[in-house]
Amino acid sequence: MKPTQSQKNYTGIVVMLTIVINGLIALLFFMPKLEQFSHLDVTFLPLLNAVLNSFTFIFLLSALIMIKQRNITAHKRFIFAAFTTTFLFLISYVTYHAIAPNTHFPAEGFIKYVYFFILITHITLSAAIVPLALITLLRGLSRQDERHKKIARWTMPLWLYVSLTGVIVYLMISPYY
């Protein structure tokens, strides 16, 4: 099937946003911390990030329930709410990691393997969810219903996993902040 003009337009935007967002987050781990802002107290941001991830999870679950009930209007509203909390999370996350020193998980034994499994799958799927969520959203907004459903079957469970594991990672590492 040949892509329409609107599909061509948003593919470039999705690719650009994916590269910028994932590139910025990857850069945070290699660049030095912003010393000029080190006087700012950002210790509340990890908790805020967990709260925002919790809201994202709740909004996504609500969106899923609404679409199962064929309530498209409520589904859209919950999806927009999930994008909003995800966007706010991204701002908070980037701010925190640009300023604060990295926190390491010092526990030993089995729990360390559990933590790193959750963390690695969370990080990997977080990178993948950026283009998936954007494409799913744009297909839904442009009423490409069948194509939207096909990708949403993958996007929804992965995004739910990412938002839930974000909270779990916080709960596991928060004693060490």
Protein backbone atom coordinates (compact mmCIF):
# COMPACT_ATOMS: atom_id res chain seq x y z
CA MET A 1 0.00 0.00 0.00
CA LYS A 2 1.38 3.38 -1.01
CA PRO A 3 1.71 5.90 1.88
CA THR A 4 -0.48 8.98 1.74
CA GLN A 5 0.94 12.50 1.92
CA SER A 6 -0.02 12.84 5.62
CA GLN A 7 1.73 9.54 6.42
CA LYS A 8 4.90 10.75 4.69
CA ASN A 9 4.74 14.00 6.67
CA TYR A 10 4.56 12.40 10.09
CA THR A 11 7.14 9.68 9.43
CA GLY A 12 9.87 12.30 9.33
CA ILE A 13 8.60 13.91 12.52
CA VAL A 14 8.49 10.55 14.32
CA VAL A 15 12.03 9.69 13.19
CA MET A 16 13.33 13.13 14.20
CA LEU A 17 11.64 13.06 17.63
CA THR A 18 12.86 9.51 18.27
CA ILE A 19 16.45 10.46 17.48
CA VAL A 20 16.32 13.68 19.51
CA ILE A 21 14.63 12.16 22.59
CA ASN A 22 16.64 8.94 22.71
CA GLY A 23 19.84 10.78 21.74
CA LEU A 24 19.38 13.34 24.51
CA ILE A 25 18.83 10.64 27.12
CA ALA A 26 21.84 8.63 25.91
CA LEU A 27 23.96 11.81 25.95
CA LEU A 28 23.04 12.41 29.61
CA PHE A 29 24.98 9.33 30.65
CA PHE A 30 28.18 10.40 28.89
CA MET A 31 28.28 14.16 29.38
CA PRO A 32 29.58 15.80 32.54
CA LYS A 33 26.97 17.09 34.96
CA LEU A 34 25.97 20.74 34.63
CA GLU A 35 28.03 22.23 37.47
CA GLN A 36 26.44 25.69 37.22
CA PHE A 37 23.16 24.16 38.47
CA SER A 38 24.66 21.92 41.16
CA HIS A 39 23.37 24.28 43.87
CA LEU A 40 19.78 23.39 42.95
CA ASP A 41 18.06 20.79 45.11
CA VAL A 42 16.68 18.25 42.64
CA THR A 43 16.37 15.39 45.13
CA PHE A 44 12.56 15.50 44.80
CA LEU A 45 12.65 14.74 41.06
CA PRO A 46 13.07 10.93 41.25
CA LEU A 47 9.89 10.75 43.35
CA LEU A 48 8.14 13.08 40.91
CA ASN A 49 9.28 10.81 38.06
CA ALA A 50 7.78 7.78 39.82
CA VAL A 51 4.52 9.65 40.42
CA LEU A 52 4.37 10.70 36.77
CA ASN A 53 5.07 7.11 35.67
CA SER A 54 2.30 5.93 37.99
CA PHE A 55 -0.15 8.36 36.42
CA THR A 56 0.95 7.29 32.94
CA PHE A 57 0.26 3.66 33.89
CA ILE A 58 -3.20 4.54 35.27
CA PHE A 59 -4.06 6.66 32.21
CA LEU A 60 -2.95 3.90 29.83
CA LEU A 61 -4.91 1.26 31.71
CA SER A 62 -7.95 3.55 31.66
CA ALA A 63 -7.48 4.15 27.92
CA LEU A 64 -7.37 0.40 27.37
CA ILE A 65 -10.58 -0.10 29.36
CA MET A 66 -12.29 2.72 27.46
CA ILE A 67 -11.39 1.33 24.03
CA LYS A 68 -12.60 -2.14 25.09
CA GLN A 69 -15.90 -0.43 25.92
CA ARG A 70 -15.76 1.33 22.52
CA ASN A 71 -15.66 4.75 24.17
CA ILE A 72 -13.30 6.43 21.71
CA THR A 73 -13.68 9.92 23.20
CA ALA A 74 -12.64 8.80 26.69
CA HIS A 75 -9.91 6.60 25.17
CA LYS A 76 -8.43 9.63 23.39
CA ARG A 77 -8.56 11.73 26.54
CA PHE A 78 -6.71 9.12 28.56
CA ILE A 79 -4.11 8.69 25.80
CA PHE A 80 -3.54 12.46 25.73
CA ALA A 81 -3.24 12.40 29.53
CA ALA A 82 -0.65 9.59 29.27
CA PHE A 83 1.33 11.58 26.70
CA THR A 84 1.16 14.64 28.96
CA THR A 85 2.49 12.82 32.03
CA THR A 86 5.13 11.12 29.87
CA PHE A 87 6.22 14.50 28.49
CA LEU A 88 6.41 15.98 32.01
CA PHE A 89 8.36 12.89 33.11
CA LEU A 90 10.82 13.41 30.27
CA ILE A 91 11.45 17.03 31.29
CA SER A 92 11.92 16.04 34.93
CA TYR A 93 14.11 13.04 34.07
CA VAL A 94 16.40 15.04 31.79
CA THR A 95 16.68 17.83 34.36
CA TYR A 96 17.57 15.44 37.17
CA HIS A 97 20.13 13.45 35.20
CA ALA A 98 21.75 16.58 33.78
CA ILE A 99 22.42 17.91 37.30
CA ALA A 100 22.48 15.12 39.89
CA PRO A 101 25.19 12.50 40.28
CA ASN A 102 24.34 8.96 39.25
CA THR A 103 22.99 6.65 41.93
CA HIS A 104 24.28 3.09 41.95
CA PHE A 105 22.37 0.07 43.21
CA PRO A 106 24.62 -1.35 45.96
CA ALA A 107 22.59 -4.41 46.98
CA GLU A 108 24.14 -7.81 46.43
CA GLY A 109 22.84 -11.27 45.59
CA PHE A 110 19.66 -12.25 43.80
CA ILE A 111 17.98 -8.85 44.23
CA LYS A 112 20.78 -7.18 42.26
CA TYR A 113 20.06 -9.46 39.28
CA VAL A 114 16.34 -8.75 39.56
CA TYR A 115 17.01 -5.01 39.69
CA PHE A 116 19.29 -5.03 36.67
CA PHE A 117 16.92 -7.23 34.66
CA ILE A 118 14.07 -4.79 35.33
CA LEU A 119 16.30 -1.76 34.69
CA ILE A 120 17.76 -3.06 31.42
CA THR A 121 14.38 -4.13 30.01
CA HIS A 122 12.91 -0.80 31.16
CA ILE A 123 15.64 1.23 29.43
CA THR A 124 15.55 -0.82 26.23
CA LEU A 125 11.79 -0.72 25.90
CA SER A 126 11.73 3.00 26.84
CA ALA A 127 13.80 3.72 23.75
CA ALA A 128 11.51 1.54 21.62
CA ILE A 129 8.31 3.05 22.99
CA VAL A 130 9.13 6.54 21.66
CA PRO A 131 8.51 5.77 17.97
CA LEU A 132 5.84 3.16 18.75
CA ALA A 133 3.77 5.56 20.85
CA LEU A 134 4.14 8.41 18.36
CA ILE A 135 3.18 6.26 15.36
CA THR A 136 0.27 4.75 17.26
CA LEU A 137 -0.97 8.19 18.29
CA LEU A 138 -0.67 9.64 14.79
CA ARG A 139 -2.42 6.67 13.19
CA GLY A 140 -5.23 7.03 15.70
CA LEU A 141 -5.55 10.77 15.14
CA SER A 142 -5.57 10.33 11.36
CA ARG A 143 -8.26 7.63 11.75
CA GLN A 144 -6.19 4.87 10.19
CA ASP A 145 -8.11 2.55 12.46
CA GLU A 146 -6.86 -0.83 11.24
CA ARG A 147 -3.22 0.28 11.16
CA HIS A 148 -3.70 1.93 14.56
CA LYS A 149 -5.07 -1.29 16.08
CA LYS A 150 -2.23 -3.37 14.64
CA ILE A 151 0.50 -1.28 16.21
CA ALA A 152 -1.46 -0.49 19.40
CA ARG A 153 -1.50 -4.22 20.20
CA TRP A 154 2.25 -3.91 20.69
CA THR A 155 2.49 -0.34 21.94
CA MET A 156 -0.02 -0.58 24.79
CA PRO A 157 1.49 -3.55 26.69
CA LEU A 158 5.03 -2.30 26.15
CA TRP A 159 4.18 1.23 27.32
CA LEU A 160 2.35 -0.20 30.33
CA TYR A 161 5.45 -2.27 31.14
CA VAL A 162 7.76 0.74 30.78
CA SER A 163 5.64 2.97 33.01
CA LEU A 164 5.21 0.26 35.66
CA THR A 165 8.87 -0.75 35.71
CA GLY A 166 9.82 2.92 36.01
CA VAL A 167 7.99 2.95 39.34
CA ILE A 168 9.51 -0.38 40.39
CA VAL A 169 13.04 0.83 39.58
CA TYR A 170 12.41 3.93 41.69
CA LEU A 171 11.10 1.88 44.62
CA MET A 172 14.10 -0.42 44.46
CA ILE A 173 16.76 2.31 44.26
CA SER A 174 15.12 5.06 46.32
CA PRO A 175 16.70 3.95 49.62
CA TYR A 176 20.11 4.68 48.06
CA TYR A 177 19.49 8.26 46.87
